[in-house]
Amino acid sequence: ATGGVNWRQRAYAAQRHGKVPAGKRLSVSWTRAGFEISL
């Protein structure tokens, strides 16, 4: 909202460019406290 990090897009980029360990995936969900990124 203040022009900072788009965590969902960054996680998507990590997934797309093979930065995630083999056999794993990133999941991004929105909570009231912020973005929850899970492996």
PDB file of all heavy atoms in Angstrom:
ATOM      1  N   ALA A   1       0.820  -1.216   0.000  1.00  0.00           N
ATOM      2  CA  ALA A   1       0.000   0.000   0.000  1.00  0.00           C
ATOM      3  C   ALA A   1       0.847   1.256   0.000  1.00  0.00           C
ATOM      4  O   ALA A   1       0.384   2.324  -0.394  1.00  0.00           O
ATOM      5  CB  ALA A   1      -0.931   0.001   1.222  1.00  0.00           C
ATOM      6  N   THR A   2       2.111   1.126   0.437  1.00  0.00           N
ATOM      7  CA  THR A   2       2.979   2.305   0.474  1.00  0.00           C
ATOM      8  C   THR A   2       4.097   2.201  -0.556  1.00  0.00           C
ATOM      9  O   THR A   2       5.120   2.867  -0.439  1.00  0.00           O
ATOM     10  CB  THR A   2       3.572   2.457   1.884  1.00  0.00           C
ATOM     11  OG1 THR A   2       4.271   1.254   2.243  1.00  0.00           O
ATOM     12  CG2 THR A   2       2.496   2.746   2.913  1.00  0.00           C
ATOM     13  N   GLY A   3       3.892   1.362  -1.559  1.00  0.00           N
ATOM     14  CA  GLY A   3       4.885   1.252  -2.624  1.00  0.00           C
ATOM     15  C   GLY A   3       6.060   0.369  -2.262  1.00  0.00           C
ATOM     16  O   GLY A   3       7.122   0.458  -2.891  1.00  0.00           O
ATOM     17  N   GLY A   4       5.921  -0.519  -1.274  1.00  0.00           N
ATOM     18  CA  GLY A   4       7.015  -1.377  -0.842  1.00  0.00           C
ATOM     19  C   GLY A   4       7.036  -2.699  -1.576  1.00  0.00           C
ATOM     20  O   GLY A   4       6.700  -2.799  -2.753  1.00  0.00           O
ATOM     21  N   VAL A   5       7.402  -3.751  -0.845  1.00  0.00           N
ATOM     22  CA  VAL A   5       7.622  -5.065  -1.452  1.00  0.00           C
ATOM     23  C   VAL A   5       6.303  -5.744  -1.781  1.00  0.00           C
ATOM     24  O   VAL A   5       5.395  -5.781  -0.953  1.00  0.00           O
ATOM     25  CB  VAL A   5       8.443  -5.956  -0.489  1.00  0.00           C
ATOM     26  CG1 VAL A   5       8.649  -7.336  -1.093  1.00  0.00           C
ATOM     27  CG2 VAL A   5       9.779  -5.298  -0.181  1.00  0.00           C
ATOM     28  N   ASN A   6       6.213  -6.311  -2.980  1.00  0.00           N
ATOM     29  CA  ASN A   6       5.089  -7.164  -3.356  1.00  0.00           C
ATOM     30  C   ASN A   6       5.532  -8.593  -3.076  1.00  0.00           C
ATOM     31  O   ASN A   6       6.174  -9.234  -3.903  1.00  0.00           O
ATOM     32  CB  ASN A   6       4.727  -6.959  -4.823  1.00  0.00           C
ATOM     33  CG  ASN A   6       3.442  -7.678  -5.195  1.00  0.00           C
ATOM     34  OD1 ASN A   6       3.169  -8.779  -4.714  1.00  0.00           O
ATOM     35  ND2 ASN A   6       2.662  -7.064  -6.055  1.00  0.00           N
ATOM     36  N   TRP A   7       5.206  -9.092  -1.893  1.00  0.00           N
ATOM     37  CA  TRP A   7       5.724 -10.391  -1.454  1.00  0.00           C
ATOM     38  C   TRP A   7       5.213 -11.530  -2.322  1.00  0.00           C
ATOM     39  O   TRP A   7       5.933 -12.495  -2.579  1.00  0.00           O
ATOM     40  CB  TRP A   7       5.348 -10.615   0.003  1.00  0.00           C
ATOM     41  CG  TRP A   7       6.032  -9.675   0.941  1.00  0.00           C
ATOM     42  CD1 TRP A   7       5.461  -8.656   1.643  1.00  0.00           C
ATOM     43  CD2 TRP A   7       7.423  -9.633   1.253  1.00  0.00           C
ATOM     44  NE1 TRP A   7       6.404  -7.974   2.384  1.00  0.00           N
ATOM     45  CE2 TRP A   7       7.630  -8.561   2.174  1.00  0.00           C
ATOM     46  CE3 TRP A   7       8.523 -10.395   0.862  1.00  0.00           C
ATOM     47  CZ2 TRP A   7       8.882  -8.250   2.680  1.00  0.00           C
ATOM     48  CZ3 TRP A   7       9.777 -10.080   1.384  1.00  0.00           C
ATOM     49  CH2 TRP A   7       9.944  -9.024   2.275  1.00  0.00           C
ATOM     50  N   ARG A   8       3.975 -11.424  -2.761  1.00  0.00           N
ATOM     51  CA  ARG A   8       3.426 -12.502  -3.589  1.00  0.00           C
ATOM     52  C   ARG A   8       4.196 -12.620  -4.905  1.00  0.00           C
ATOM     53  O   ARG A   8       4.543 -13.708  -5.350  1.00  0.00           O
ATOM     54  CB  ARG A   8       1.937 -12.251  -3.842  1.00  0.00           C
ATOM     55  CG  ARG A   8       1.234 -13.420  -4.498  1.00  0.00           C
ATOM     56  CD  ARG A   8      -0.243 -13.106  -4.673  1.00  0.00           C
ATOM     57  NE  ARG A   8      -0.917 -13.019  -3.392  1.00  0.00           N
ATOM     58  CZ  ARG A   8      -1.452 -14.063  -2.771  1.00  0.00           C
ATOM     59  NH1 ARG A   8      -1.385 -15.255  -3.293  1.00  0.00           N
ATOM     60  NH2 ARG A   8      -2.081 -13.895  -1.624  1.00  0.00           N
ATOM     61  N   GLN A   9       4.478 -11.479  -5.518  1.00  0.00           N
ATOM     62  CA  GLN A   9       5.226 -11.508  -6.769  1.00  0.00           C
ATOM     63  C   GLN A   9       6.662 -11.979  -6.542  1.00  0.00           C
ATOM     64  O   GLN A   9       7.232 -12.684  -7.385  1.00  0.00           O
ATOM     65  CB  GLN A   9       5.211 -10.113  -7.405  1.00  0.00           C
ATOM     66  CG  GLN A   9       3.859  -9.711  -7.965  1.00  0.00           C
ATOM     67  CD  GLN A   9       3.391 -10.644  -9.067  1.00  0.00           C
ATOM     68  OE1 GLN A   9       4.165 -11.051  -9.924  1.00  0.00           O
ATOM     69  NE2 GLN A   9       2.111 -10.993  -9.038  1.00  0.00           N
ATOM     70  N   ARG A  10       7.257 -11.599  -5.417  1.00  0.00           N
ATOM     71  CA  ARG A  10       8.621 -12.047  -5.140  1.00  0.00           C
ATOM     72  C   ARG A  10       8.663 -13.546  -4.907  1.00  0.00           C
ATOM     73  O   ARG A  10       9.580 -14.236  -5.383  1.00  0.00           O
ATOM     74  CB  ARG A  10       9.187 -11.306  -3.929  1.00  0.00           C
ATOM     75  CG  ARG A  10      10.632 -11.674  -3.632  1.00  0.00           C
ATOM     76  CD  ARG A  10      11.270 -10.734  -2.619  1.00  0.00           C
ATOM     77  NE  ARG A  10      11.403  -9.391  -3.170  1.00  0.00           N
ATOM     78  CZ  ARG A  10      11.985  -8.392  -2.515  1.00  0.00           C
ATOM     79  NH1 ARG A  10      12.488  -8.587  -1.312  1.00  0.00           N
ATOM     80  NH2 ARG A  10      12.070  -7.194  -3.061  1.00  0.00           N
ATOM     81  N   ALA A  11       7.677 -14.072  -4.186  1.00  0.00           N
ATOM     82  CA  ALA A  11       7.613 -15.518  -3.971  1.00  0.00           C
ATOM     83  C   ALA A  11       7.377 -16.245  -5.298  1.00  0.00           C
ATOM     84  O   ALA A  11       7.957 -17.306  -5.543  1.00  0.00           O
ATOM     85  CB  ALA A  11       6.505 -15.843  -2.969  1.00  0.00           C
ATOM     86  N   TYR A  12       6.537 -15.658  -6.130  1.00  0.00           N
ATOM     87  CA  TYR A  12       6.279 -16.261  -7.439  1.00  0.00           C
ATOM     88  C   TYR A  12       7.556 -16.283  -8.276  1.00  0.00           C
ATOM     89  O   TYR A  12       7.861 -17.269  -8.962  1.00  0.00           O
ATOM     90  CB  TYR A  12       5.192 -15.470  -8.154  1.00  0.00           C
ATOM     91  CG  TYR A  12       4.899 -15.950  -9.559  1.00  0.00           C
ATOM     92  CD1 TYR A  12       4.433 -17.236  -9.792  1.00  0.00           C
ATOM     93  CD2 TYR A  12       5.092 -15.114 -10.658  1.00  0.00           C
ATOM     94  CE1 TYR A  12       4.168 -17.679 -11.071  1.00  0.00           C
ATOM     95  CE2 TYR A  12       4.837 -15.550 -11.950  1.00  0.00           C
ATOM     96  CZ  TYR A  12       4.371 -16.838 -12.146  1.00  0.00           C
ATOM     97  OH  TYR A  12       4.126 -17.262 -13.406  1.00  0.00           O
ATOM     98  N   ALA A  13       8.345 -15.213  -8.216  1.00  0.00           N
ATOM     99  CA  ALA A  13       9.596 -15.156  -8.953  1.00  0.00           C
ATOM    100  C   ALA A  13      10.576 -16.211  -8.440  1.00  0.00           C
ATOM    101  O   ALA A  13      11.289 -16.864  -9.225  1.00  0.00           O
ATOM    102  CB  ALA A  13      10.207 -13.766  -8.849  1.00  0.00           C
ATOM    103  N   ALA A  14      10.620 -16.400  -7.119  1.00  0.00           N
ATOM    104  CA  ALA A  14      11.499 -17.422  -6.550  1.00  0.00           C
ATOM    105  C   ALA A  14      11.104 -18.811  -7.037  1.00  0.00           C
ATOM    106  O   ALA A  14      11.951 -19.637  -7.377  1.00  0.00           O
ATOM    107  CB  ALA A  14      11.457 -17.358  -5.024  1.00  0.00           C
ATOM    108  N   GLN A  15       9.795 -19.037  -7.097  1.00  0.00           N
ATOM    109  CA  GLN A  15       9.299 -20.331  -7.581  1.00  0.00           C
ATOM    110  C   GLN A  15       9.632 -20.513  -9.054  1.00  0.00           C
ATOM    111  O   GLN A  15      10.121 -21.555  -9.480  1.00  0.00           O
ATOM    112  CB  GLN A  15       7.784 -20.370  -7.373  1.00  0.00           C
ATOM    113  CG  GLN A  15       7.139 -21.705  -7.685  1.00  0.00           C
ATOM    114  CD  GLN A  15       7.181 -22.635  -6.492  1.00  0.00           C
ATOM    115  OE1 GLN A  15       7.217 -22.176  -5.364  1.00  0.00           O
ATOM    116  NE2 GLN A  15       7.205 -23.921  -6.733  1.00  0.00           N
ATOM    117  N   ARG A  16       9.390 -19.467  -9.823  1.00  0.00           N
ATOM    118  CA  ARG A  16       9.567 -19.552 -11.278  1.00  0.00           C
ATOM    119  C   ARG A  16      11.028 -19.723 -11.684  1.00  0.00           C
ATOM    120  O   ARG A  16      11.336 -20.400 -12.658  1.00  0.00           O
ATOM    121  CB  ARG A  16       8.978 -18.289 -11.910  1.00  0.00           C
ATOM    122  CG  ARG A  16       9.101 -18.200 -13.418  1.00  0.00           C
ATOM    123  CD  ARG A  16       8.063 -17.238 -13.968  1.00  0.00           C
ATOM    124  NE  ARG A  16       8.065 -15.986 -13.221  1.00  0.00           N
ATOM    125  CZ  ARG A  16       8.786 -14.921 -13.564  1.00  0.00           C
ATOM    126  NH1 ARG A  16       9.578 -14.967 -14.610  1.00  0.00           N
ATOM    127  NH2 ARG A  16       8.721 -13.808 -12.849  1.00  0.00           N
ATOM    128  N   HIS A  17      11.935 -19.114 -10.924  1.00  0.00           N
ATOM    129  CA  HIS A  17      13.351 -19.165 -11.289  1.00  0.00           C
ATOM    130  C   HIS A  17      14.121 -20.256 -10.557  1.00  0.00           C
ATOM    131  O   HIS A  17      15.356 -20.252 -10.547  1.00  0.00           O
ATOM    132  CB  HIS A  17      14.003 -17.806 -11.012  1.00  0.00           C
ATOM    133  CG  HIS A  17      13.473 -16.710 -11.891  1.00  0.00           C
ATOM    134  ND1 HIS A  17      13.661 -16.679 -13.246  1.00  0.00           N
ATOM    135  CD2 HIS A  17      12.732 -15.620 -11.592  1.00  0.00           C
ATOM    136  CE1 HIS A  17      13.090 -15.603 -13.753  1.00  0.00           C
ATOM    137  NE2 HIS A  17      12.505 -14.952 -12.774  1.00  0.00           N
ATOM    138  N   GLY A  18      13.397 -21.188  -9.962  1.00  0.00           N
ATOM    139  CA  GLY A  18      14.046 -22.351  -9.376  1.00  0.00           C
ATOM    140  C   GLY A  18      14.836 -22.080  -8.117  1.00  0.00           C
ATOM    141  O   GLY A  18      15.809 -22.796  -7.837  1.00  0.00           O
ATOM    142  N   LYS A  19      14.453 -21.093  -7.335  1.00  0.00           N
ATOM    143  CA  LYS A  19      15.160 -20.779  -6.097  1.00  0.00           C
ATOM    144  C   LYS A  19      14.642 -21.586  -4.910  1.00  0.00           C
ATOM    145  O   LYS A  19      15.217 -21.528  -3.818  1.00  0.00           O
ATOM    146  CB  LYS A  19      15.040 -19.286  -5.786  1.00  0.00           C
ATOM    147  CG  LYS A  19      15.486 -18.370  -6.918  1.00  0.00           C
ATOM    148  CD  LYS A  19      16.944 -18.594  -7.279  1.00  0.00           C
ATOM    149  CE  LYS A  19      17.375 -17.616  -8.379  1.00  0.00           C
ATOM    150  NZ  LYS A  19      18.789 -17.850  -8.764  1.00  0.00           N
ATOM    151  N   VAL A  20      13.546 -22.315  -5.128  1.00  0.00           N
ATOM    152  CA  VAL A  20      12.936 -23.105  -4.058  1.00  0.00           C
ATOM    153  C   VAL A  20      13.565 -24.497  -4.058  1.00  0.00           C
ATOM    154  O   VAL A  20      13.817 -25.069  -5.127  1.00  0.00           O
ATOM    155  CB  VAL A  20      11.413 -23.196  -4.262  1.00  0.00           C
ATOM    156  CG1 VAL A  20      10.762 -24.003  -3.138  1.00  0.00           C
ATOM    157  CG2 VAL A  20      10.815 -21.800  -4.326  1.00  0.00           C
ATOM    158  N   PRO A  21      13.855 -25.077  -2.882  1.00  0.00           N
ATOM    159  CA  PRO A  21      14.441 -26.427  -2.837  1.00  0.00           C
ATOM    160  C   PRO A  21      13.596 -27.446  -3.603  1.00  0.00           C
ATOM    161  O   PRO A  21      12.370 -27.312  -3.690  1.00  0.00           O
ATOM    162  CB  PRO A  21      14.466 -26.742  -1.335  1.00  0.00           C
ATOM    163  CG  PRO A  21      14.516 -25.405  -0.669  1.00  0.00           C
ATOM    164  CD  PRO A  21      13.708 -24.490  -1.539  1.00  0.00           C
ATOM    165  N   ALA A  22      14.261 -28.445  -4.127  1.00  0.00           N
ATOM    166  CA  ALA A  22      13.581 -29.482  -4.914  1.00  0.00           C
ATOM    167  C   ALA A  22      12.506 -30.158  -4.066  1.00  0.00           C
ATOM    168  O   ALA A  22      12.711 -30.459  -2.888  1.00  0.00           O
ATOM    169  CB  ALA A  22      14.599 -30.509  -5.393  1.00  0.00           C
ATOM    170  N   GLY A  23      11.358 -30.386  -4.719  1.00  0.00           N
ATOM    171  CA  GLY A  23      10.259 -31.049  -4.030  1.00  0.00           C
ATOM    172  C   GLY A  23       9.477 -30.146  -3.097  1.00  0.00           C
ATOM    173  O   GLY A  23       8.625 -30.613  -2.351  1.00  0.00           O
ATOM    174  N   LYS A  24       9.769 -28.850  -3.130  1.00  0.00           N
ATOM    175  CA  LYS A  24       9.086 -27.890  -2.269  1.00  0.00           C
ATOM    176  C   LYS A  24       8.387 -26.829  -3.118  1.00  0.00           C
ATOM    177  O   LYS A  24       8.680 -26.653  -4.294  1.00  0.00           O
ATOM    178  CB  LYS A  24      10.083 -27.200  -1.332  1.00  0.00           C
ATOM    179  CG  LYS A  24      10.802 -28.137  -0.376  1.00  0.00           C
ATOM    180  CD  LYS A  24       9.868 -28.628   0.720  1.00  0.00           C
ATOM    181  CE  LYS A  24      10.636 -29.440   1.751  1.00  0.00           C
ATOM    182  NZ  LYS A  24       9.768 -29.872   2.878  1.00  0.00           N
ATOM    183  N   ARG A  25       7.484 -26.122  -2.500  1.00  0.00           N
ATOM    184  CA  ARG A  25       6.800 -25.009  -3.148  1.00  0.00           C
ATOM    185  C   ARG A  25       6.498 -23.936  -2.110  1.00  0.00           C
ATOM    186  O   ARG A  25       6.409 -24.220  -0.920  1.00  0.00           O
ATOM    187  CB  ARG A  25       5.497 -25.463  -3.808  1.00  0.00           C
ATOM    188  CG  ARG A  25       4.461 -26.051  -2.856  1.00  0.00           C
ATOM    189  CD  ARG A  25       3.240 -26.527  -3.615  1.00  0.00           C
ATOM    190  NE  ARG A  25       2.312 -27.259  -2.769  1.00  0.00           N
ATOM    191  CZ  ARG A  25       1.343 -26.724  -2.052  1.00  0.00           C
ATOM    192  NH1 ARG A  25       1.192 -25.404  -2.057  1.00  0.00           N
ATOM    193  NH2 ARG A  25       0.534 -27.460  -1.337  1.00  0.00           N
ATOM    194  N   LEU A  26       6.355 -22.725  -2.579  1.00  0.00           N
ATOM    195  CA  LEU A  26       6.003 -21.616  -1.702  1.00  0.00           C
ATOM    196  C   LEU A  26       4.496 -21.382  -1.753  1.00  0.00           C
ATOM    197  O   LEU A  26       3.881 -21.468  -2.818  1.00  0.00           O
ATOM    198  CB  LEU A  26       6.724 -20.333  -2.118  1.00  0.00           C
ATOM    199  CG  LEU A  26       8.226 -20.267  -1.835  1.00  0.00           C
ATOM    200  CD1 LEU A  26       8.805 -18.986  -2.402  1.00  0.00           C
ATOM    201  CD2 LEU A  26       8.496 -20.342  -0.338  1.00  0.00           C
ATOM    202  N   SER A  27       3.945 -21.072  -0.626  1.00  0.00           N
ATOM    203  CA  SER A  27       2.529 -20.718  -0.542  1.00  0.00           C
ATOM    204  C   SER A  27       2.428 -19.374   0.167  1.00  0.00           C
ATOM    205  O   SER A  27       3.038 -19.170   1.221  1.00  0.00           O
ATOM    206  CB  SER A  27       1.754 -21.779   0.232  1.00  0.00           C
ATOM    207  OG  SER A  27       0.398 -21.379   0.417  1.00  0.00           O
ATOM    208  N   VAL A  28       1.676 -18.452  -0.420  1.00  0.00           N
ATOM    209  CA  VAL A  28       1.519 -17.114   0.151  1.00  0.00           C
ATOM    210  C   VAL A  28       0.048 -16.897   0.466  1.00  0.00           C
ATOM    211  O   VAL A  28      -0.817 -17.075  -0.394  1.00  0.00           O
ATOM    212  CB  VAL A  28       2.017 -16.028  -0.822  1.00  0.00           C
ATOM    213  CG1 VAL A  28       1.856 -14.651  -0.197  1.00  0.00           C
ATOM    214  CG2 VAL A  28       3.467 -16.279  -1.182  1.00  0.00           C
ATOM    215  N   SER A  29      -0.223 -16.501   1.688  1.00  0.00           N
ATOM    216  CA  SER A  29      -1.605 -16.213   2.091  1.00  0.00           C
ATOM    217  C   SER A  29      -1.629 -14.914   2.870  1.00  0.00           C
ATOM    218  O   SER A  29      -0.651 -14.534   3.522  1.00  0.00           O
ATOM    219  CB  SER A  29      -2.178 -17.351   2.943  1.00  0.00           C
ATOM    220  OG  SER A  29      -1.391 -17.544   4.102  1.00  0.00           O
ATOM    221  N   TRP A  30      -2.763 -14.216   2.780  1.00  0.00           N
ATOM    222  CA  TRP A  30      -2.915 -12.924   3.450  1.00  0.00           C
ATOM    223  C   TRP A  30      -3.595 -13.115   4.784  1.00  0.00           C
ATOM    224  O   TRP A  30      -4.608 -13.799   4.909  1.00  0.00           O
ATOM    225  CB  TRP A  30      -3.728 -11.983   2.574  1.00  0.00           C
ATOM    226  CG  TRP A  30      -4.201 -10.750   3.279  1.00  0.00           C
ATOM    227  CD1 TRP A  30      -5.466 -10.457   3.683  1.00  0.00           C
ATOM    228  CD2 TRP A  30      -3.403  -9.643   3.677  1.00  0.00           C
ATOM    229  NE1 TRP A  30      -5.501  -9.246   4.305  1.00  0.00           N
ATOM    230  CE2 TRP A  30      -4.252  -8.712   4.322  1.00  0.00           C
ATOM    231  CE3 TRP A  30      -2.051  -9.332   3.569  1.00  0.00           C
ATOM    232  CZ2 TRP A  30      -3.796  -7.522   4.831  1.00  0.00           C
ATOM    233  CZ3 TRP A  30      -1.597  -8.136   4.080  1.00  0.00           C
ATOM    234  CH2 TRP A  30      -2.462  -7.245   4.695  1.00  0.00           C
ATOM    235  N   THR A  31      -3.031 -12.526   5.838  1.00  0.00           N
ATOM    236  CA  THR A  31      -3.651 -12.511   7.151  1.00  0.00           C
ATOM    237  C   THR A  31      -3.729 -11.060   7.610  1.00  0.00           C
ATOM    238  O   THR A  31      -3.135 -10.169   6.999  1.00  0.00           O
ATOM    239  CB  THR A  31      -2.836 -13.326   8.162  1.00  0.00           C
ATOM    240  OG1 THR A  31      -1.594 -12.642   8.420  1.00  0.00           O
ATOM    241  CG2 THR A  31      -2.534 -14.718   7.640  1.00  0.00           C
ATOM    242  N   ARG A  32      -4.436 -10.816   8.683  1.00  0.00           N
ATOM    243  CA  ARG A  32      -4.553  -9.452   9.212  1.00  0.00           C
ATOM    244  C   ARG A  32      -3.195  -8.910   9.669  1.00  0.00           C
ATOM    245  O   ARG A  32      -2.971  -7.695   9.695  1.00  0.00           O
ATOM    246  CB  ARG A  32      -5.544  -9.400  10.372  1.00  0.00           C
ATOM    247  CG  ARG A  32      -6.984  -9.598   9.934  1.00  0.00           C
ATOM    248  CD  ARG A  32      -7.935  -9.351  11.087  1.00  0.00           C
ATOM    249  NE  ARG A  32      -9.320  -9.450  10.653  1.00  0.00           N
ATOM    250  CZ  ARG A  32     -10.008  -8.455  10.141  1.00  0.00           C
ATOM    251  NH1 ARG A  32      -9.431  -7.279   9.995  1.00  0.00           N
ATOM    252  NH2 ARG A  32     -11.267  -8.613   9.768  1.00  0.00           N
ATOM    253  N   ALA A  33      -2.303  -9.821  10.034  1.00  0.00           N
ATOM    254  CA  ALA A  33      -0.977  -9.397  10.496  1.00  0.00           C
ATOM    255  C   ALA A  33      -0.023  -9.120   9.342  1.00  0.00           C
ATOM    256  O   ALA A  33       1.017  -8.512   9.535  1.00  0.00           O
ATOM    257  CB  ALA A  33      -0.388 -10.459  11.423  1.00  0.00           C
ATOM    258  N   GLY A  34      -0.361  -9.571   8.133  1.00  0.00           N
ATOM    259  CA  GLY A  34       0.508  -9.377   6.976  1.00  0.00           C
ATOM    260  C   GLY A  34       0.485 -10.587   6.077  1.00  0.00           C
ATOM    261  O   GLY A  34      -0.473 -11.375   6.094  1.00  0.00           O
ATOM    262  N   PHE A  35       1.541 -10.786   5.295  1.00  0.00           N
ATOM    263  CA  PHE A  35       1.647 -11.931   4.402  1.00  0.00           C
ATOM    264  C   PHE A  35       2.350 -13.079   5.117  1.00  0.00           C
ATOM    265  O   PHE A  35       3.397 -12.883   5.749  1.00  0.00           O
ATOM    266  CB  PHE A  35       2.430 -11.561   3.143  1.00  0.00           C
ATOM    267  CG  PHE A  35       1.587 -10.910   2.095  1.00  0.00           C
ATOM    268  CD1 PHE A  35       1.712  -9.560   1.837  1.00  0.00           C
ATOM    269  CD2 PHE A  35       0.673 -11.643   1.369  1.00  0.00           C
ATOM    270  CE1 PHE A  35       0.936  -8.950   0.873  1.00  0.00           C
ATOM    271  CE2 PHE A  35      -0.114 -11.048   0.405  1.00  0.00           C
ATOM    272  CZ  PHE A  35       0.027  -9.700   0.154  1.00  0.00           C
ATOM    273  N   GLU A  36       1.763 -14.262   4.991  1.00  0.00           N
ATOM    274  CA  GLU A  36       2.365 -15.466   5.549  1.00  0.00           C
ATOM    275  C   GLU A  36       2.912 -16.295   4.401  1.00  0.00           C
ATOM    276  O   GLU A  36       2.157 -16.768   3.548  1.00  0.00           O
ATOM    277  CB  GLU A  36       1.335 -16.264   6.353  1.00  0.00           C
ATOM    278  CG  GLU A  36       1.937 -17.444   7.096  1.00  0.00           C
ATOM    279  CD  GLU A  36       0.899 -18.164   7.936  1.00  0.00           C
ATOM    280  OE1 GLU A  36       0.221 -19.050   7.387  1.00  0.00           O
ATOM    281  OE2 GLU A  36       0.773 -17.831   9.137  1.00  0.00           O
ATOM    282  N   ILE A  37       4.221 -16.458   4.346  1.00  0.00           N
ATOM    283  CA  ILE A  37       4.888 -17.211   3.285  1.00  0.00           C
ATOM    284  C   ILE A  37       5.350 -18.528   3.880  1.00  0.00           C
ATOM    285  O   ILE A  37       6.120 -18.545   4.844  1.00  0.00           O
ATOM    286  CB  ILE A  37       6.077 -16.431   2.707  1.00  0.00           C
ATOM    287  CG1 ILE A  37       5.621 -15.033   2.253  1.00  0.00           C
ATOM    288  CG2 ILE A  37       6.702 -17.185   1.541  1.00  0.00           C
ATOM    289  CD1 ILE A  37       6.743 -14.146   1.765  1.00  0.00           C
ATOM    290  N   SER A  38       4.881 -19.645   3.287  1.00  0.00           N
ATOM    291  CA  SER A  38       5.184 -20.969   3.816  1.00  0.00           C
ATOM    292  C   SER A  38       5.903 -21.806   2.770  1.00  0.00           C
ATOM    293  O   SER A  38       5.647 -21.678   1.569  1.00  0.00           O
ATOM    294  CB  SER A  38       3.901 -21.691   4.248  1.00  0.00           C
ATOM    295  OG  SER A  38       3.182 -20.912   5.190  1.00  0.00           O
ATOM    296  N   LEU A  39       6.794 -22.647   3.237  1.00  0.00           N
ATOM    297  CA  LEU A  39       7.484 -23.605   2.373  1.00  0.00           C
ATOM    298  C   LEU A  39       6.849 -24.964   2.602  1.00  0.00           C
ATOM    299  O   LEU A  39       6.951 -25.539   3.686  1.00  0.00           O
ATOM    300  CB  LEU A  39       8.978 -23.635   2.699  1.00  0.00           C
ATOM    301  CG  LEU A  39       9.864 -24.442   1.752  1.00  0.00           C
ATOM    302  CD1 LEU A  39       9.873 -23.814   0.372  1.00  0.00           C
ATOM    303  CD2 LEU A  39      11.285 -24.535   2.302  1.00  0.00           C
TER     304      LEU A  39
END
